[in-house]
Protein backbone atom coordinates (compact mmCIF):
# COMPACT_ATOMS: atom_id res chain seq x y z
CA MET A 1 150.95 195.48 144.85
CA VAL A 2 152.93 196.86 148.17
CA GLN A 3 152.59 200.67 149.02
CA ALA A 4 155.24 202.65 150.88
CA ASP A 5 154.27 204.02 154.22
CA PRO A 6 154.85 207.06 154.66
CA ARG A 7 154.47 207.62 158.55
CA PRO A 8 156.72 207.57 161.32
CA ARG A 9 158.56 204.01 162.48
CA ALA A 10 160.95 203.49 164.63
CA GLY A 11 164.52 204.44 163.48
CA ASP A 12 163.25 206.99 161.01
CA THR A 13 165.24 209.78 160.93
CA VAL A 14 163.36 213.03 161.85
CA THR A 15 164.83 216.67 161.48
CA SER A 16 163.91 220.08 162.61
CA GLY A 17 162.93 221.22 158.78
CA ARG A 18 160.65 219.77 156.19
CA ARG A 19 160.32 216.18 155.44
CA ARG A 20 159.32 214.23 152.86
CA LYS A 21 155.93 212.27 151.92
CA GLY A 22 157.78 209.99 149.28
CA LEU A 23 156.34 212.08 146.27
CA SER A 24 158.64 212.29 143.24
CA GLY A 25 160.68 215.20 144.14
CA ASN A 26 162.33 217.89 141.71
CA SER A 27 160.28 216.62 138.52
CA VAL A 28 158.57 219.84 137.92
CA GLY A 29 160.37 223.02 137.02
CA LEU A 30 158.80 226.70 136.58
CA LEU A 31 157.23 226.11 133.28
CA GLY A 32 155.91 222.75 134.22
CA SER A 33 154.13 224.23 137.21
CA ALA A 34 152.60 227.16 135.44
CA VAL A 35 151.42 225.03 132.77
CA ILE A 36 149.71 222.99 135.60
CA GLY A 37 148.21 225.69 136.97
CA ILE A 38 146.89 227.25 133.48
CA SER A 39 145.51 224.00 132.75
CA THR A 40 143.85 222.97 135.75
CA VAL A 41 141.62 226.56 134.98
CA ALA A 42 140.17 225.79 131.94
CA PRO A 43 140.92 229.22 130.36
CA VAL A 44 139.33 228.23 126.82
CA TYR A 45 136.84 226.54 128.53
CA CYS A 46 135.70 229.08 130.92
CA LEU A 47 135.85 231.85 128.27
CA THR A 48 133.25 230.16 126.02
CA SER A 49 131.18 229.67 128.91
CA THR A 50 131.58 233.44 130.65
CA LEU A 51 131.80 235.94 127.98
CA GLY A 52 128.30 235.81 126.95
CA PRO A 53 126.79 236.08 130.92
CA THR A 54 128.98 239.06 131.57
CA ALA A 55 128.65 241.23 128.46
CA GLY A 56 124.96 240.28 129.14
CA GLN A 57 125.19 242.06 132.27
CA ALA A 58 128.26 244.74 132.10
CA GLY A 59 127.88 245.29 128.17
CA VAL A 60 130.84 246.92 127.00
CA GLN A 61 132.49 247.12 130.41
CA MET A 62 132.96 243.37 129.73
CA PRO A 63 136.93 243.88 130.03
CA ALA A 64 136.88 246.08 133.06
CA VAL A 65 134.75 243.40 135.07
CA PHE A 66 137.34 240.69 134.27
CA LEU A 67 140.11 243.12 135.11
CA ALA A 68 138.04 244.15 138.49
CA GLY A 69 137.52 240.11 139.41
CA PHE A 70 141.01 239.76 138.52
CA LEU A 71 141.97 241.78 142.17
CA PRO A 72 140.89 239.15 144.88
CA MET A 73 142.46 236.45 143.31
CA LEU A 74 145.67 238.28 142.72
CA LEU A 75 145.76 239.16 146.38
CA VAL A 76 145.05 236.00 147.55
CA ALA A 77 148.19 234.29 145.32
CA PHE A 78 150.39 236.65 146.79
CA ALA A 79 149.24 234.64 150.41
CA TYR A 80 150.18 231.56 148.67
CA ARG A 81 153.45 232.66 147.87
CA GLU A 82 154.28 233.88 151.00
CA LEU A 83 152.55 230.63 152.68
CA ASN A 84 154.62 228.57 150.55
CA LYS A 85 158.17 230.09 150.91
CA ALA A 86 157.68 229.45 154.67
CA VAL A 87 156.03 226.20 154.60
CA PRO A 88 156.44 224.12 151.08
CA ASP A 89 153.87 221.33 151.94
CA CYS A 90 151.56 219.70 149.35
CA GLY A 91 149.00 220.01 151.42
CA THR A 92 148.79 224.19 151.07
CA SER A 93 145.56 225.45 152.47
CA PHE A 94 145.36 222.68 154.75
CA THR A 95 148.40 222.53 156.39
CA TRP A 96 148.53 226.39 156.28
CA THR A 97 145.27 226.75 158.41
CA VAL A 98 145.85 224.08 160.72
CA GLN A 99 149.42 226.03 161.85
CA ALA A 100 147.65 229.29 161.49
CA PHE A 101 143.87 228.18 163.22
CA GLY A 102 144.18 225.09 164.72
CA PRO A 103 143.03 221.42 163.36
CA ARG A 104 139.26 222.30 163.12
CA VAL A 105 139.76 225.40 161.19
CA GLY A 106 142.19 223.98 159.12
CA TRP A 107 140.46 220.50 158.51
CA MET A 108 137.29 222.19 157.30
CA CYS A 109 139.38 224.20 154.93
CA GLY A 110 140.92 221.22 153.39
CA TRP A 111 137.43 219.66 153.44
CA GLY A 112 136.39 223.19 151.33
CA LEU A 113 139.13 222.40 148.55
CA VAL A 114 138.50 218.63 148.36
CA ILE A 115 134.45 218.91 148.18
CA ALA A 116 135.13 221.55 145.94
CA THR A 117 137.47 219.87 143.47
CA ILE A 118 135.35 216.72 143.36
CA ILE A 119 131.97 219.25 142.03
CA VAL A 120 134.48 220.86 139.24
CA LEU A 121 135.87 217.35 138.41
CA SER A 122 132.41 215.85 137.38
CA ASN A 123 131.17 218.78 136.04
CA LEU A 124 134.89 219.19 133.74
CA ALA A 125 133.91 215.66 132.30
CA GLY A 126 130.33 216.75 131.75
CA VAL A 127 131.53 219.44 129.76
CA ALA A 128 134.36 217.68 127.90
CA THR A 129 131.43 214.99 127.18
CA SER A 130 129.19 217.63 125.69
CA PHE A 131 131.88 219.24 123.23
CA PHE A 132 133.26 215.63 122.52
CA TYR A 133 129.91 214.69 120.95
CA LEU A 134 129.48 218.15 119.46
CA LEU A 135 132.43 217.63 117.81
CA LEU A 136 132.25 214.21 116.53
CA GLY A 137 128.80 215.47 115.21
CA ARG A 138 130.06 218.36 113.25
CA ILE A 139 132.99 216.25 111.68
CA THR A 140 130.75 213.56 110.84
CA GLY A 141 128.02 215.62 109.29
CA ILE A 142 125.67 213.30 110.78
CA GLU A 143 123.03 215.10 113.52
CA ALA A 144 122.59 211.87 115.24
CA VAL A 145 126.01 211.51 116.46
CA ALA A 146 125.66 214.83 118.18
CA ALA A 147 122.69 214.15 119.61
CA LEU A 148 123.97 211.23 121.51
CA ASP A 149 124.66 214.07 124.47
CA GLY A 150 121.70 213.87 124.91
CA ASN A 151 121.27 210.35 125.67
CA LYS A 152 121.59 209.98 129.44
CA PRO A 153 123.17 206.71 129.51
CA VAL A 154 125.62 207.03 126.73
CA HIS A 155 126.51 210.86 128.38
CA VAL A 156 127.16 209.36 131.99
CA ALA A 157 128.85 206.32 130.33
CA THR A 158 131.49 208.60 128.42
CA CYS A 159 131.64 210.97 131.35
CA LEU A 160 133.05 207.95 133.38
CA ALA A 161 135.56 207.07 130.82
CA PHE A 162 136.84 210.25 130.28
CA ILE A 163 137.08 210.27 134.48
CA ALA A 164 138.99 206.82 134.21
CA VAL A 165 141.35 208.32 131.73
CA ALA A 166 142.40 211.55 133.60
CA THR A 167 142.87 209.23 136.77
CA ALA A 168 144.75 206.62 135.10
CA VAL A 169 147.14 209.63 133.82
CA SER A 170 147.34 211.40 137.07
CA TYR A 171 147.98 208.09 138.66
CA ARG A 172 151.27 207.50 136.73
CA GLY A 173 152.91 210.48 138.53
CA MET A 174 154.10 213.81 137.65
CA THR A 175 156.27 212.64 134.73
CA ALA A 176 153.15 211.68 132.66
CA THR A 177 150.68 214.38 133.71
CA LYS A 178 153.34 216.91 132.62
CA GLY A 179 153.83 215.61 129.01
CA VAL A 180 149.89 215.64 128.58
CA GLN A 181 149.58 218.78 130.14
CA TYR A 182 152.22 220.71 127.78
CA ALA A 183 150.55 219.86 124.69
CA LEU A 184 146.81 220.36 125.31
CA VAL A 185 147.62 223.63 126.85
CA ALA A 186 149.91 224.47 123.79
CA LEU A 187 147.14 223.90 121.46
CA GLN A 188 144.37 225.49 123.43
CA LEU A 189 146.54 229.01 123.76
CA THR A 190 147.73 228.63 120.20
CA LEU A 191 144.08 228.11 119.10
CA LEU A 192 142.65 231.08 121.04
CA ALA A 193 145.66 233.46 119.95
CA VAL A 194 144.89 232.41 116.12
CA PHE A 195 140.92 233.37 117.05
CA VAL A 196 141.85 236.91 119.02
CA ALA A 197 144.08 237.45 115.84
CA MET A 198 141.57 237.00 113.60
CA ALA A 199 138.75 238.62 115.68
CA PHE A 200 140.88 241.55 115.91
CA ALA A 201 141.36 242.01 111.98
CA LYS A 202 137.60 241.04 111.26
CA GLY A 203 136.56 243.66 113.75
CA GLY A 204 138.85 246.27 113.35
CA ALA A 205 137.87 246.90 109.82
CA GLY A 206 134.62 247.83 110.63
CA ASP A 207 132.63 246.59 107.98
CA LEU A 208 130.88 243.68 110.04
CA ALA A 209 127.31 244.16 111.68
CA GLY A 210 127.47 244.47 114.94
CA SER A 211 130.94 245.14 115.22
CA ILE A 212 132.44 247.95 117.35
CA GLY A 213 135.42 249.87 117.36
CA PHE A 214 137.73 249.72 120.45
CA SER A 215 137.74 251.96 123.44
CA TRP A 216 140.37 252.57 126.26
CA GLY A 217 137.05 253.25 128.25
CA TRP A 218 136.43 249.26 128.16
CA LEU A 219 139.17 248.95 130.62
CA ASN A 220 137.68 251.13 133.21
CA PRO A 221 136.54 249.22 136.40
CA PHE A 222 134.64 252.42 137.37
CA ALA A 223 132.67 253.19 134.43
CA VAL A 224 130.62 249.74 135.16
CA PRO A 225 127.20 250.42 134.77
CA SER A 226 125.96 249.15 138.55
CA PHE A 227 127.40 247.50 141.35
CA GLY A 228 125.23 244.25 140.75
CA ALA A 229 127.45 244.14 137.38
CA PHE A 230 130.66 244.81 139.63
CA THR A 231 129.63 242.38 142.14
CA ALA A 232 128.84 239.66 139.03
CA GLY A 233 132.39 240.60 137.99
CA LEU A 234 133.74 239.11 141.17
CA SER A 235 131.76 236.24 141.21
CA LEU A 236 132.78 235.43 137.96
CA SER A 237 136.34 235.54 138.76
CA ILE A 238 135.65 232.81 141.07
CA PHE A 239 135.23 230.26 138.06
CA MET A 240 137.46 232.13 135.61
CA TYR A 241 140.73 232.26 137.85
CA TRP A 242 139.88 229.11 140.21
CA GLY A 243 142.54 226.70 139.68
CA TRP A 244 145.94 228.49 139.62
CA ASP A 245 146.24 227.03 143.14
CA ALA A 246 147.16 223.72 141.54
CA CYS A 247 150.71 225.09 140.88
CA LEU A 248 151.30 224.86 144.93
CA THR A 249 149.87 221.64 145.81
CA VAL A 250 152.86 220.09 143.49
CA ASN A 251 155.19 222.00 145.54
CA GLU A 252 156.78 218.72 147.13
CA GLU A 253 157.52 217.56 143.42
CA THR A 254 158.74 221.42 141.90
CA GLN A 255 162.65 222.19 141.24
CA GLY A 256 163.05 224.94 144.30
CA SER A 257 160.03 224.09 146.37
CA GLU A 258 160.12 227.28 148.24
CA ARG A 259 160.32 229.74 145.20
CA THR A 260 159.13 228.30 142.45
CA PRO A 261 155.42 227.34 143.04
CA GLY A 262 154.95 230.64 143.93
CA ARG A 263 156.43 232.59 141.12
CA ALA A 264 154.42 229.96 138.89
CA ALA A 265 151.07 230.68 140.26
CA LEU A 266 151.81 234.46 139.23
CA LEU A 267 152.62 233.80 136.36
CA ALA A 268 150.08 231.55 135.64
CA MET A 269 147.73 234.23 136.28
CA ALA A 270 149.55 237.07 134.28
CA VAL A 271 149.02 234.44 131.15
CA LEU A 272 145.01 234.11 132.52
CA VAL A 273 144.00 237.97 132.69
CA GLY A 274 146.16 238.15 129.53
CA SER A 275 144.23 235.81 127.48
CA TYR A 276 140.83 237.01 129.11
CA LEU A 277 141.35 240.82 128.23
CA LEU A 278 142.65 240.00 124.78
CA THR A 279 139.91 237.52 123.95
CA ALA A 280 137.18 239.70 125.98
CA VAL A 281 138.12 243.20 124.11
CA ALA A 282 139.10 240.88 120.39
CA THR A 283 134.86 239.41 120.69
CA GLN A 284 133.22 242.63 121.56
CA MET A 285 135.02 244.50 118.44
CA PHE A 286 133.85 241.45 116.09
CA ALA A 287 130.53 240.67 117.32
CA GLY A 288 129.35 243.58 119.99
CA VAL A 289 127.19 243.52 122.72
CA GLY A 290 123.66 243.12 121.31
CA THR A 291 121.25 240.41 121.71
CA GLU A 292 120.70 239.09 118.18
CA GLY A 293 123.04 237.15 115.97
CA THR A 294 126.47 236.80 116.92
CA GLY A 295 125.99 239.53 119.42
CA LEU A 296 127.75 238.84 122.91
CA GLY A 297 124.67 239.43 124.73
CA ASN A 298 122.48 236.84 123.02
CA PRO A 299 121.17 234.77 125.47
CA ASP A 300 120.56 231.98 122.97
CA THR A 301 124.64 231.63 122.53
CA ALA A 302 125.65 232.79 126.18
CA ASP A 303 126.42 229.57 127.27
CA ASN A 304 128.85 228.58 124.52
CA VAL A 305 129.74 231.89 122.53
CA PHE A 306 132.76 229.96 120.67
CA ALA A 307 130.31 227.74 119.42
CA ALA A 308 128.44 230.70 117.50
CA LEU A 309 131.41 232.40 116.63
CA ALA A 310 134.03 230.08 115.50
CA THR A 311 132.95 229.81 112.09
CA PRO A 312 132.35 233.32 111.36
CA VAL A 313 135.80 234.56 112.63
CA MET A 314 137.72 231.71 111.27
CA GLY A 315 135.94 229.70 108.84
CA PRO A 316 134.64 225.99 108.90
CA VAL A 317 137.65 224.52 109.09
CA LEU A 318 139.76 226.33 111.59
CA GLY A 319 136.46 226.97 113.64
CA SER A 320 136.11 223.30 114.20
CA LEU A 321 139.59 223.66 115.62
CA LEU A 322 138.32 226.19 118.17
CA LEU A 323 135.84 223.43 119.26
CA VAL A 324 138.70 220.84 119.24
CA ALA A 325 140.70 223.61 122.06
CA VAL A 326 137.47 223.87 124.40
CA LEU A 327 137.16 220.00 124.35
CA ALA A 328 141.01 220.08 125.28
CA SER A 329 140.90 223.10 127.65
CA ALA A 330 138.31 220.66 129.50
CA ALA A 331 139.86 217.36 128.99
CA ALA A 332 143.34 219.12 130.40
CA SER A 333 141.53 220.49 133.24
CA LEU A 334 139.71 217.51 134.31
CA GLN A 335 143.23 215.67 134.67
CA THR A 336 144.95 218.44 136.26
CA THR A 337 142.59 219.10 138.76
CA PHE A 338 142.69 215.68 140.53
CA LEU A 339 146.60 217.21 141.63
CA PRO A 340 145.50 219.48 144.46
CA VAL A 341 142.55 216.48 145.57
CA ALA A 342 144.67 214.03 145.81
CA ARG A 343 147.72 215.82 147.23
CA THR A 344 145.32 217.76 149.81
CA VAL A 345 144.06 214.12 150.98
CA LEU A 346 147.60 212.49 150.95
CA ALA A 347 148.88 215.83 153.45
CA MET A 348 145.42 215.19 155.82
CA SER A 349 146.16 211.33 155.67
CA ALA A 350 150.21 211.66 156.79
CA TYR A 351 149.14 214.12 159.19
CA GLU A 352 146.44 211.71 160.73
CA ALA A 353 143.50 214.19 159.81
CA LEU A 354 142.11 211.04 157.32
CA PRO A 355 142.50 207.22 157.87
CA PRO A 356 146.61 206.53 157.17
CA ALA A 357 145.47 204.20 153.87
CA TYR A 358 145.57 207.32 151.73
CA ALA A 359 149.16 208.51 152.64
CA ARG A 360 150.45 205.84 150.84
CA ILE A 361 152.57 206.48 147.77
CA HIS A 362 152.86 204.01 144.78
CA PRO A 363 156.50 203.00 145.26
CA ARG A 364 157.27 203.17 141.27
CA PHE A 365 155.36 206.32 139.93
CA ARG A 366 156.11 208.00 143.53
CA SER A 367 152.71 209.53 143.29
CA PRO A 368 149.55 209.39 145.73
CA GLY A 369 148.13 206.13 144.57
CA ARG A 370 145.41 205.90 146.74
CA ALA A 371 144.08 209.09 147.25
CA THR A 372 143.85 209.89 143.44
CA VAL A 373 141.93 206.37 142.66
CA ALA A 374 139.63 207.77 145.44
CA ALA A 375 139.12 210.88 143.86
CA GLY A 376 138.59 209.32 140.53
CA ILE A 377 135.69 206.54 142.32
CA ALA A 378 134.18 209.76 144.08
CA THR A 379 133.81 211.97 141.29
CA GLY A 380 132.40 209.16 138.81
CA ALA A 381 129.73 207.98 141.54
CA PHE A 382 128.81 211.55 142.12
CA TYR A 383 127.94 212.86 138.13
CA ALA A 384 126.64 209.44 137.59
CA VAL A 385 123.96 209.79 140.61
CA MET A 386 123.45 213.02 140.57
CA SER A 387 122.50 212.82 136.52
CA PHE A 388 119.89 209.97 137.09
CA LEU A 389 118.96 211.30 140.47
CA SER A 390 118.37 214.54 139.49
CA GLU A 391 119.51 217.15 137.03
CA HIS A 392 118.05 220.14 139.14
CA VAL A 393 120.51 218.75 141.67
CA LEU A 394 123.36 218.15 139.83
CA ILE A 395 122.87 222.34 138.68
CA ASP A 396 122.38 223.42 142.12
CA THR A 397 125.28 221.49 143.42
CA ILE A 398 127.73 223.27 140.70
CA TYR A 399 126.06 226.58 141.55
CA ALA A 400 127.08 226.11 145.23
CA LEU A 401 130.78 225.43 144.09
CA GLY A 402 131.31 229.40 144.62
CA LEU A 403 130.71 229.03 148.18
CA MET A 404 133.12 226.34 148.74
CA ILE A 405 136.17 228.36 146.84
CA CYS A 406 135.36 231.36 148.58
CA PHE A 407 135.56 229.65 151.83
CA TYR A 408 138.68 228.28 151.14
CA TYR A 409 140.26 230.63 149.53
CA ALA A 410 139.32 233.73 152.28
CA LEU A 411 140.37 231.21 155.05
CA THR A 412 143.84 230.79 153.42
CA ALA A 413 144.02 234.42 153.46
CA PHE A 414 143.59 234.98 156.59
CA ALA A 415 145.99 232.46 157.71
CA CYS A 416 148.69 234.22 156.06
CA VAL A 417 148.32 237.17 158.17
CA TRP A 418 147.80 235.15 161.42
CA PHE A 419 150.79 232.74 160.66
CA PHE A 420 153.26 236.10 160.04
CA ARG A 421 151.46 238.42 162.27
CA GLY A 422 154.64 238.63 164.17
CA GLU A 423 156.71 239.58 161.34
CA LEU A 424 154.49 242.67 159.48
CA ARG A 425 156.43 245.35 161.32
CA ARG A 426 159.78 243.88 160.29
CA SER A 427 159.99 245.65 156.55
CA ALA A 428 157.41 247.39 153.79
CA ARG A 429 157.45 244.39 151.93
CA ASP A 430 156.65 241.86 154.75
CA LEU A 431 153.93 244.48 155.65
CA CYS A 432 151.82 244.32 152.16
CA PHE A 433 153.00 240.78 150.92
CA LYS A 434 152.20 239.04 154.45
CA GLY A 435 149.69 241.46 155.48
CA VAL A 436 147.69 243.89 154.00
CA PHE A 437 147.71 242.34 150.55
CA PRO A 438 146.43 238.90 152.04
CA ALA A 439 143.81 240.48 154.37
CA LEU A 440 142.19 242.65 151.63
CA GLY A 441 141.82 239.60 148.98
CA GLY A 442 140.48 237.20 152.21
CA LEU A 443 137.70 240.26 152.93
CA LEU A 444 136.61 240.34 149.34
CA LEU A 445 136.60 236.67 148.89
CA ALA A 446 134.57 236.81 152.66
CA ALA A 447 132.40 239.31 151.19
CA VAL A 448 131.63 237.46 148.15
CA PHE A 449 130.80 234.28 150.41
CA CYS A 450 128.23 236.14 152.08
CA LYS A 451 126.58 237.61 149.00
CA THR A 452 126.43 234.31 147.78
CA LEU A 453 124.64 232.76 150.85
CA TYR A 454 122.45 235.44 150.58
CA ASP A 455 121.54 234.93 146.65
CA MET A 456 121.35 231.39 147.54
CA TRP A 457 118.56 231.74 149.98
CA ASN A 458 116.47 232.65 147.09
CA PRO A 459 114.72 229.72 145.32
CA ALA A 460 114.96 231.35 141.94
CA TYR A 461 118.69 230.80 142.49
CA GLY A 462 119.99 228.01 140.24
CA SER A 463 117.61 225.70 138.76
CA GLY A 464 114.63 227.31 140.45
CA SER A 465 114.02 224.53 143.04
CA SER A 466 113.54 224.97 146.57
CA VAL A 467 113.07 222.71 150.00
CA LEU A 468 110.50 224.12 152.41
CA GLY A 469 110.96 227.35 150.91
CA ILE A 470 114.51 227.66 150.77
CA GLY A 471 116.37 227.42 147.55
CA SER A 472 118.04 224.24 147.01
CA VAL A 473 121.66 225.79 146.11
CA PHE A 474 121.68 227.06 149.46
CA VAL A 475 120.63 223.87 151.23
CA ILE A 476 123.31 221.90 149.38
CA GLY A 477 126.19 224.45 149.85
CA VAL A 478 125.30 224.88 153.28
CA GLY A 479 124.57 221.07 153.71
CA LEU A 480 127.84 220.05 152.63
CA LEU A 481 129.87 222.48 154.62
CA LEU A 482 127.66 220.88 157.58
CA LEU A 483 128.62 217.66 156.31
CA GLY A 484 132.38 218.08 156.67
CA ALA A 485 131.85 218.74 159.81
CA VAL A 486 130.22 215.94 160.77
CA LEU A 487 132.79 213.94 158.83
CA MET A 488 135.34 215.93 160.75
CA GLU A 489 133.77 214.89 164.24
CA THR A 490 134.18 211.53 163.18
CA MET A 491 137.67 211.44 162.59
CA ARG A 492 138.29 213.42 165.98
CA ARG A 493 136.95 210.19 167.72
CA ARG A 494 139.37 207.84 165.45
CA SER A 495 142.30 210.54 165.28
CA PRO A 496 142.69 212.57 168.99
CA ALA A 497 146.07 213.25 168.39
CA PHE A 498 145.52 215.48 165.59
CA PHE A 499 142.72 217.41 166.89
CA ARG A 500 144.58 217.85 170.18
CA GLY A 501 146.95 219.42 167.96
CA GLU A 502 149.73 217.16 168.81
CA VAL A 503 150.80 216.04 165.15
CA LEU A 504 151.23 219.36 163.36
CA THR A 505 151.22 222.38 165.16
CA ARG A 506 152.69 226.40 164.70
CA ALA A 507 155.75 225.27 165.71
CA THR A 508 156.31 222.57 163.15
CA PRO A 509 157.15 224.08 159.64
CA ALA A 510 155.65 220.60 158.16
CA LEU A 511 156.06 217.04 159.31
CA VAL A 512 156.67 214.82 156.57
CA VAL A 513 159.15 211.34 157.24
CA GLU A 514 162.61 211.74 155.38
CA GLU A 515 163.15 209.29 152.51
């Protein structure tokens, strides 16, 4: 099939403003953009996997930890909003850090986003597969069906099927993506709302073993029992809120690309923090934070709280639907998470930081077809190889994810401060939203990055394996960043113009070709 080539050609009209890469413009509104951000985060899946560990560390202050963990994400969201107003480019973090700090820092920032997304995609595929067979086993009542998830060839084959379907939907462009996401996000948020309402009602009655009465003190971050628990809240926020920036990566396809994506990101963040706080309070009232039975601190159910609470809170029928919501959450996030990686690769290719083939746009769907397929192949290959090679390596790679996310989020926040440094004295608003808030967010995430590096050095972190006495998670995390540096040097030899700063500079808001 003939692909559209977005690179400049003789006779192309070049303007001083923004030029398009060929994506389908004006295909997403405010609501659609916010839905993409919420979907990428996968709130129901995040809740079922983090409620237990957080309650185990913070006790009844779990809602306060969620609230504290929200702060750095909110501060970084302001940086994304301001940068998007000035440069609404689908390359987001990559494009902005190139313009602020130069080609090499920008390339590494883009690499951090891409490799983090590949790791997340593989993890989401695994989660979707596990819940798929768990749900089938519950529906059929046949334990052997649920046990299929433990059959490695069957598990990997199902994962690859999920990845292939998600790739195909993303390949067909924003129209197909948006329609699927409306249904999946509505399903998971509706069932989550029903769960929260029923948990409030039963927990508030006070006649259940382990249930506790509500206290406003649960929302006080200063009452968190230890600094370690507070730090854990910041670390958990990386996983619980990460993905909202998908709103920004579709900015060239959004109506009002300068303002709508930033507003959608803040709207998505508001929905997420509201959902997390309400669910945390409701489950805590219903089950308490004990270490036995349905208590949230029970280590036997910490990895999947909703599987333990679905039936006690909602009954057998609605409880099964809550598992459907977890599956929908993972599947929806799997599909939308292709958006940021494909569009970042598209932008890097369009600006000559990657081979030009990935900048080609599908002539019918107006989507980055090759970049999307490449991301799908990379995700499937990574998960299949790691699953058969070593479960420990796969687990440690997922643990190293936080390092990549902190890396590119912090760089983007600092890029905002440097990009707008000449405007910070113009008004109090500019000082706060372009300077102070992004700087604080970047510093918080940089601190988490350093703390994570320190913790990763210990072999006990992650699966407990080590390499020459150094924790495997540290080796993998740092190794992936160093791999990016090697690939960057390879591209420097192939594309010297970009690395000499001749393609994308601070003086060019965005170099994209007019249609």
